[in-house]
Amino acid sequence: MTVRSFAAAIVLALAGLPPVSAAGQPAAPRTAWGDPDLQGAYTNKTITPLQRPAELAAQERLSAEEVASLEREVADRNAALLRRPARRTAVTESVDVGEDGAPGFYNNFWLDRGTTSTGQTSIVVDPPDGRIPPLTPAAQQDEDARLAARAERGPADTWTDLDLNDRCMLWSVGPPMLPTGYNNNYLILQTPDHVVIHVEMIHDTRIIPLDGRPRPARPVPQWLGEMRGRWEGDTLVVETRRIARSEEGSSFGNDVVRIRAANGGRTESLRVIERFTRVGPDTIRYQFTVEDPSRWTSPWSGELPLRSIDETLFEYACHEGNYSIVNVLSGERTGERAAAADR
């Protein structure tokens, strides 16, 4: 082989390799118009808890052996619950929790929290202890008042006592996008001017403009908030403000941190910043920061992967307003009448 032909062979070989960034990492795939390509179906299900358990206070990550042991434990538990004979659910403090930690509403077969760990000891990565910061004194006072008022009446005194997911208003599309009991699948679509994130957990679609449009002076309240996106290198940054909060203070099933609950507060201080970075052919690094000085004593951040899946997103088919709310309320009134008759 001549030197010229050998050099040509090297050029051809290099041309067939994926692009590499200046940092030596494979460059993110691009769309036809040149933006990083995030499109596809992904899941964020994980057995990693939102907050770090107390017994792991100073430990940010699990060892490979600890990850394997934890994942094996979850798989074994799922198998045991699948083989366990059917039994009537006993009444507990929460309809969501049955005997031995099993679900109280329906059996474990219908849940899909996953069996894999991120390797982190918590989704929350800042503060360094992996815990959501304490509430401000004013927010804690509002929360105490809400709980006290709720304790003085029944579980369904009015439709406002029911969570937003009970009423089929919204569930877990974000922000922030946190895993829930099942249906943790997301579809990401892109155009030059927008990114769309769709999840079939009720009926939510986030339409995020990328064109630099200003925020409206008189915004229309939206449960998912007012979103604006931009590219910072290969990372999509989404900043969401003006997230609608429920006036009555109810929250929703996956909102374990009560992002959308007003709890007496009416400020516009809540802001969520999300970052989406393609870090491999099948993985997006998802990072988020929640800021609300009227509720938490400091901002807090989390991180978890979105993993590519080859699955179909099936329709959730939850009716907005939920027709069964009438049955919930009428059942509670029937129970109250029966209790009064027994006195």
Protein backbone atom coordinates (compact mmCIF):
# COMPACT_ATOMS: atom_id res chain seq x y z
CA MET A 1 0.00 0.00 0.00
CA THR A 2 1.37 3.42 -0.93
CA VAL A 3 1.61 6.23 1.60
CA ARG A 4 -1.10 8.12 -0.29
CA SER A 5 -3.52 5.16 -0.28
CA PHE A 6 -2.74 4.45 3.41
CA ALA A 7 -3.55 8.07 4.29
CA ALA A 8 -6.78 7.88 2.31
CA ALA A 9 -7.76 4.72 4.19
CA ILE A 10 -7.24 6.51 7.52
CA VAL A 11 -9.42 9.44 6.38
CA LEU A 12 -12.20 7.06 5.35
CA ALA A 13 -11.98 5.19 8.64
CA LEU A 14 -12.14 8.40 10.65
CA ALA A 15 -15.09 9.60 8.60
CA GLY A 16 -17.04 6.57 9.75
CA LEU A 17 -16.52 7.31 13.45
CA PRO A 18 -19.06 9.29 15.49
CA PRO A 19 -18.23 12.97 16.07
CA VAL A 20 -16.14 13.67 19.18
CA SER A 21 -16.31 16.86 21.25
CA ALA A 22 -13.30 18.86 22.38
CA ALA A 23 -13.60 17.16 25.78
CA GLY A 24 -13.09 13.77 24.15
CA GLN A 25 -16.70 12.64 24.63
CA PRO A 26 -18.96 11.56 21.74
CA ALA A 27 -20.85 14.61 20.52
CA ALA A 28 -24.63 14.63 20.89
CA PRO A 29 -26.54 13.57 17.76
CA ARG A 30 -28.02 16.51 15.90
CA THR A 31 -31.39 17.27 14.39
CA ALA A 32 -31.69 18.20 10.72
CA TRP A 33 -31.50 21.87 11.76
CA GLY A 34 -28.44 21.39 13.98
CA ASP A 35 -29.77 21.28 17.56
CA PRO A 36 -28.87 18.40 19.88
CA ASP A 37 -31.35 15.60 19.22
CA LEU A 38 -33.26 14.61 22.37
CA GLN A 39 -36.19 13.01 20.57
CA GLY A 40 -37.56 9.64 21.51
CA ALA A 41 -39.35 7.74 24.27
CA TYR A 42 -37.73 7.63 27.70
CA THR A 43 -38.43 6.44 31.24
CA ASN A 44 -37.28 7.90 34.56
CA LYS A 45 -38.42 5.04 36.77
CA THR A 46 -35.93 4.18 39.50
CA ILE A 47 -35.83 2.70 42.98
CA THR A 48 -33.59 5.57 44.10
CA PRO A 49 -35.58 7.56 46.70
CA LEU A 50 -36.23 11.27 46.36
CA GLN A 51 -34.52 12.03 49.68
CA ARG A 52 -31.56 10.26 51.26
CA PRO A 53 -32.41 7.81 54.06
CA ALA A 54 -31.17 8.87 57.47
CA GLU A 55 -28.94 5.80 57.80
CA LEU A 56 -26.98 6.93 54.71
CA ALA A 57 -26.60 10.52 55.90
CA ALA A 58 -23.05 11.15 54.66
CA GLN A 59 -23.05 8.72 51.72
CA GLU A 60 -23.76 10.25 48.31
CA ARG A 61 -23.38 7.09 46.21
CA LEU A 62 -23.79 3.35 46.59
CA SER A 63 -21.03 0.88 45.83
CA ALA A 64 -21.48 -1.59 42.97
CA GLU A 65 -22.13 -4.32 45.55
CA GLU A 66 -24.74 -2.20 47.33
CA VAL A 67 -26.50 -1.42 44.05
CA ALA A 68 -26.60 -5.12 43.11
CA SER A 69 -27.92 -6.09 46.55
CA LEU A 70 -30.61 -3.40 46.52
CA GLU A 71 -31.79 -4.28 43.01
CA ARG A 72 -31.89 -7.99 43.88
CA GLU A 73 -33.91 -7.21 47.02
CA VAL A 74 -36.50 -5.26 45.01
CA ALA A 75 -36.75 -7.98 42.34
CA ASP A 76 -37.19 -10.66 45.03
CA ARG A 77 -39.88 -8.62 46.76
CA ASN A 78 -41.79 -8.14 43.50
CA ALA A 79 -41.60 -11.88 42.84
CA ALA A 80 -42.83 -12.68 46.36
CA LEU A 81 -45.77 -10.27 46.06
CA LEU A 82 -46.66 -11.81 42.69
CA ARG A 83 -46.76 -15.32 44.17
CA ARG A 84 -48.56 -14.36 47.36
CA PRO A 85 -52.18 -15.56 47.56
CA ALA A 86 -54.86 -12.90 47.14
CA ARG A 87 -56.07 -11.31 50.36
CA ARG A 88 -58.51 -8.63 51.34
CA THR A 89 -56.83 -5.30 51.99
CA ALA A 90 -56.97 -4.18 55.60
CA VAL A 91 -57.70 -0.58 56.51
CA THR A 92 -54.50 1.33 57.27
CA GLU A 93 -53.61 4.96 57.83
CA SER A 94 -53.21 5.39 54.06
CA VAL A 95 -55.13 3.80 51.22
CA ASP A 96 -51.81 3.66 49.38
CA VAL A 97 -50.14 1.36 51.91
CA GLY A 98 -51.34 -2.13 52.76
CA GLU A 99 -49.93 -4.95 54.83
CA ASP A 100 -46.18 -5.60 54.79
CA GLY A 101 -45.65 -2.42 52.79
CA ALA A 102 -47.60 -3.81 49.83
CA PRO A 103 -49.96 -1.47 47.95
CA GLY A 104 -53.32 -0.93 49.58
CA PHE A 105 -55.27 0.11 46.49
CA TYR A 106 -54.48 -2.75 44.09
CA ASN A 107 -51.83 -5.40 43.88
CA ASN A 108 -48.16 -4.86 43.10
CA PHE A 109 -48.51 -6.33 39.59
CA TRP A 110 -49.95 -3.05 38.34
CA LEU A 111 -47.09 -0.90 39.63
CA ASP A 112 -43.90 -0.23 37.72
CA ARG A 113 -41.40 1.63 39.85
CA GLY A 114 -38.57 -0.22 38.16
CA THR A 115 -35.85 -2.41 39.64
CA THR A 116 -32.75 -0.30 38.92
CA SER A 117 -30.88 2.22 41.04
CA THR A 118 -29.18 5.35 39.74
CA GLY A 119 -26.28 4.57 42.06
CA GLN A 120 -27.07 7.71 44.04
CA THR A 121 -28.48 7.44 47.54
CA SER A 122 -31.11 10.04 46.66
CA ILE A 123 -32.48 11.94 43.68
CA VAL A 124 -31.82 15.15 45.63
CA VAL A 125 -28.12 16.01 45.25
CA ASP A 126 -28.09 19.49 46.77
CA PRO A 127 -28.11 20.26 49.69
CA PRO A 128 -25.24 17.80 50.15
CA ASP A 129 -27.21 15.79 52.73
CA GLY A 130 -29.63 14.71 50.01
CA ARG A 131 -32.63 16.16 51.84
CA ILE A 132 -35.14 18.83 50.82
CA PRO A 133 -34.46 21.97 52.91
CA PRO A 134 -36.78 22.87 55.82
CA LEU A 135 -39.81 25.05 55.25
CA THR A 136 -39.59 28.71 56.13
CA PRO A 137 -41.32 29.63 59.41
CA ALA A 138 -44.22 31.21 57.50
CA ALA A 139 -44.63 28.19 55.22
CA GLN A 140 -44.50 25.82 58.18
CA GLN A 141 -47.21 27.84 59.91
CA ASP A 142 -49.39 27.60 56.78
CA GLU A 143 -48.77 23.85 56.56
CA ASP A 144 -49.66 23.31 60.23
CA ALA A 145 -52.86 25.30 59.78
CA ARG A 146 -53.80 23.27 56.70
CA LEU A 147 -53.27 19.96 58.51
CA ALA A 148 -55.20 21.15 61.55
CA ALA A 149 -58.14 22.27 59.42
CA ARG A 150 -58.09 18.98 57.54
CA ALA A 151 -58.16 16.99 60.80
CA GLU A 152 -61.38 18.71 61.85
CA ARG A 153 -63.38 17.36 58.94
CA GLY A 154 -63.81 14.15 57.00
CA PRO A 155 -61.52 12.94 54.19
CA ALA A 156 -64.00 14.12 51.53
CA ASP A 157 -65.92 16.98 53.08
CA THR A 158 -65.76 18.80 49.75
CA TRP A 159 -64.28 18.21 46.33
CA THR A 160 -61.42 20.54 47.26
CA ASP A 161 -60.23 17.94 49.79
CA LEU A 162 -59.37 15.59 46.94
CA ASP A 163 -55.96 15.71 45.29
CA LEU A 164 -55.53 17.11 41.81
CA ASN A 165 -54.74 13.64 40.48
CA ASP A 166 -57.98 12.30 42.03
CA ARG A 167 -59.75 14.99 40.04
CA CYS A 168 -57.79 14.05 36.88
CA MET A 169 -56.30 17.51 36.56
CA LEU A 170 -52.61 16.54 36.31
CA TRP A 171 -50.08 14.12 37.72
CA SER A 172 -46.36 13.78 37.09
CA VAL A 173 -45.32 15.50 33.88
CA GLY A 174 -43.45 18.17 35.87
CA PRO A 175 -41.77 20.35 36.54
CA PRO A 176 -39.81 18.79 38.07
CA MET A 177 -40.22 15.40 36.38
CA LEU A 178 -40.18 12.87 39.23
CA PRO A 179 -40.92 9.13 38.99
CA THR A 180 -44.21 7.81 40.32
CA GLY A 181 -45.84 4.40 40.82
CA TYR A 182 -46.28 3.58 37.15
CA ASN A 183 -46.46 5.07 33.64
CA ASN A 184 -43.09 6.77 34.01
CA ASN A 185 -42.71 7.07 30.24
CA TYR A 186 -42.10 10.32 28.38
CA LEU A 187 -42.13 11.22 24.69
CA ILE A 188 -39.86 14.08 23.59
CA LEU A 189 -40.42 15.79 20.23
CA GLN A 190 -38.57 18.75 18.70
CA THR A 191 -38.97 21.44 16.07
CA PRO A 192 -36.59 24.36 15.49
CA ASP A 193 -38.81 26.57 17.68
CA HIS A 194 -40.22 24.20 20.29
CA VAL A 195 -39.55 21.14 22.42
CA VAL A 196 -42.56 19.03 23.42
CA ILE A 197 -42.60 16.63 26.39
CA HIS A 198 -45.64 14.36 26.56
CA VAL A 199 -46.57 11.86 29.26
CA GLU A 200 -49.64 9.61 29.39
CA MET A 201 -50.21 10.09 33.10
CA ILE A 202 -53.64 11.67 32.79
CA HIS A 203 -53.14 13.87 29.69
CA ASP A 204 -50.23 16.24 30.04
CA THR A 205 -48.10 17.80 27.32
CA ARG A 206 -45.51 20.48 27.95
CA ILE A 207 -44.96 22.75 24.93
CA ILE A 208 -41.72 24.70 25.48
CA PRO A 209 -40.90 27.61 23.14
CA LEU A 210 -37.25 28.14 22.18
CA ASP A 211 -37.63 31.33 20.15
CA GLY A 212 -36.81 33.83 22.91
CA ARG A 213 -40.33 35.20 23.16
CA PRO A 214 -40.95 37.42 26.20
CA ARG A 215 -43.16 36.26 29.01
CA PRO A 216 -46.65 37.80 28.80
CA ALA A 217 -47.37 40.79 31.00
CA ARG A 218 -50.79 39.31 31.87
CA PRO A 219 -50.25 35.55 31.91
CA VAL A 220 -52.97 32.92 31.81
CA PRO A 221 -52.56 30.61 34.84
CA GLN A 222 -51.42 27.13 33.81
CA TRP A 223 -50.97 24.04 35.96
CA LEU A 224 -47.71 23.25 34.20
CA GLY A 225 -46.51 26.83 34.42
CA GLU A 226 -45.07 29.29 31.95
CA MET A 227 -42.08 27.63 30.26
CA ARG A 228 -39.21 29.07 28.25
CA GLY A 229 -36.34 27.04 26.83
CA ARG A 230 -32.89 27.77 25.47
CA TRP A 231 -29.78 25.87 24.44
CA GLU A 232 -26.59 26.21 26.44
CA GLY A 233 -24.13 24.25 24.34
CA ASP A 234 -25.59 20.74 24.06
CA THR A 235 -27.85 21.19 27.09
CA LEU A 236 -31.51 22.20 26.87
CA VAL A 237 -32.32 24.56 29.74
CA VAL A 238 -36.00 25.06 30.63
CA GLU A 239 -37.06 27.73 33.11
CA THR A 240 -40.61 27.53 34.42
CA ARG A 241 -42.38 30.23 36.40
CA ARG A 242 -45.97 31.06 37.34
CA ILE A 243 -46.91 27.47 38.10
CA ALA A 244 -50.59 27.51 39.07
CA ARG A 245 -51.26 26.57 42.68
CA SER A 246 -54.50 25.13 43.99
CA GLU A 247 -56.34 27.72 46.05
CA GLU A 248 -57.65 25.14 48.50
CA GLY A 249 -54.16 23.82 49.20
CA SER A 250 -54.62 20.30 47.84
CA SER A 251 -51.71 18.84 45.95
CA PHE A 252 -51.43 15.80 43.69
CA GLY A 253 -50.27 12.23 43.92
CA ASN A 254 -46.71 12.52 42.67
CA ASP A 255 -46.16 15.96 44.16
CA VAL A 256 -44.48 14.66 47.29
CA VAL A 257 -43.01 18.11 47.88
CA ARG A 258 -46.33 19.93 47.26
CA ILE A 259 -44.95 22.11 44.45
CA ARG A 260 -48.41 23.21 43.35
CA ALA A 261 -50.13 23.51 46.72
CA ALA A 262 -50.74 27.11 47.70
CA ASN A 263 -50.80 26.51 51.47
CA GLY A 264 -51.84 30.10 52.01
CA GLY A 265 -49.09 31.53 49.80
CA ARG A 266 -49.93 33.56 46.73
CA THR A 267 -46.48 34.78 45.70
CA GLU A 268 -44.90 34.28 42.28
CA SER A 269 -41.57 33.30 43.82
CA LEU A 270 -41.59 29.67 42.64
CA ARG A 271 -39.11 28.90 39.85
CA VAL A 272 -37.99 25.52 38.47
CA ILE A 273 -34.93 25.21 36.23
CA GLU A 274 -34.40 21.94 34.33
CA ARG A 275 -31.45 20.74 32.25
CA PHE A 276 -31.56 17.98 29.64
CA THR A 277 -28.22 16.72 28.31
CA ARG A 278 -27.77 13.75 25.97
CA VAL A 279 -24.89 11.81 27.55
CA GLY A 280 -25.09 8.62 25.49
CA PRO A 281 -27.05 6.93 22.71
CA ASP A 282 -29.72 5.81 25.20
CA THR A 283 -29.50 8.28 28.08
CA ILE A 284 -30.38 11.89 28.90
CA ARG A 285 -29.04 13.40 32.11
CA TYR A 286 -31.96 15.22 33.73
CA GLN A 287 -31.13 17.84 36.35
CA PHE A 288 -33.45 20.27 38.11
CA THR A 289 -33.36 23.05 40.68
CA VAL A 290 -36.38 24.26 42.66
CA GLU A 291 -36.36 27.79 44.10
CA ASP A 292 -39.08 29.29 46.27
CA PRO A 293 -37.85 31.54 49.09
CA SER A 294 -41.43 31.88 50.32
CA ARG A 295 -41.56 28.12 51.02
CA TRP A 296 -38.07 26.63 51.48
CA THR A 297 -35.13 28.05 53.39
CA SER A 298 -32.84 27.44 50.39
CA PRO A 299 -33.01 26.18 46.79
CA TRP A 300 -32.62 22.43 46.22
CA SER A 301 -31.56 20.34 43.24
CA GLY A 302 -31.87 16.80 41.95
CA GLU A 303 -30.60 14.55 39.18
CA LEU A 304 -31.64 11.28 37.56
CA PRO A 305 -31.31 9.66 34.13
CA LEU A 306 -33.94 9.45 31.40
CA ARG A 307 -33.33 6.09 29.72
CA SER A 308 -34.43 5.33 26.17
CA ILE A 309 -37.18 2.72 25.78
CA ASP A 310 -38.72 0.91 22.85
CA GLU A 311 -42.26 0.97 24.19
CA THR A 312 -45.62 2.46 23.31
CA LEU A 313 -47.21 5.17 25.44
CA PHE A 314 -50.77 4.02 26.11
CA GLU A 315 -53.63 6.44 26.74
CA TYR A 316 -54.36 7.06 30.41
CA ALA A 317 -57.98 8.10 29.72
CA CYS A 318 -58.66 10.03 32.92
CA HIS A 319 -61.64 12.37 32.59
CA GLU A 320 -60.81 15.90 33.67
CA GLY A 321 -62.92 16.58 36.74
CA ASN A 322 -63.27 12.78 37.25
CA TYR A 323 -66.90 11.69 37.12
CA SER A 324 -66.38 9.36 40.08
CA ILE A 325 -65.84 12.34 42.39
CA VAL A 326 -69.65 12.43 42.73
CA ASN A 327 -69.53 8.87 44.06
CA VAL A 328 -66.70 9.71 46.47
CA LEU A 329 -68.61 12.64 47.94
CA SER A 330 -71.97 10.86 48.07
CA GLY A 331 -70.35 7.86 49.74
CA GLU A 332 -68.86 10.10 52.42
CA ARG A 333 -72.26 11.74 53.03
CA THR A 334 -73.85 8.29 53.34
CA GLY A 335 -71.23 7.32 55.90
CA GLU A 336 -71.86 10.48 57.88
CA ARG A 337 -75.61 9.83 57.96
CA ALA A 338 -75.04 6.27 59.12
CA ALA A 339 -72.71 7.45 61.87
CA ALA A 340 -75.24 10.06 63.01
CA ALA A 341 -78.02 7.45 63.15
CA ASP A 342 -75.90 5.24 65.44
CA ARG A 343 -75.46 7.98 68.02
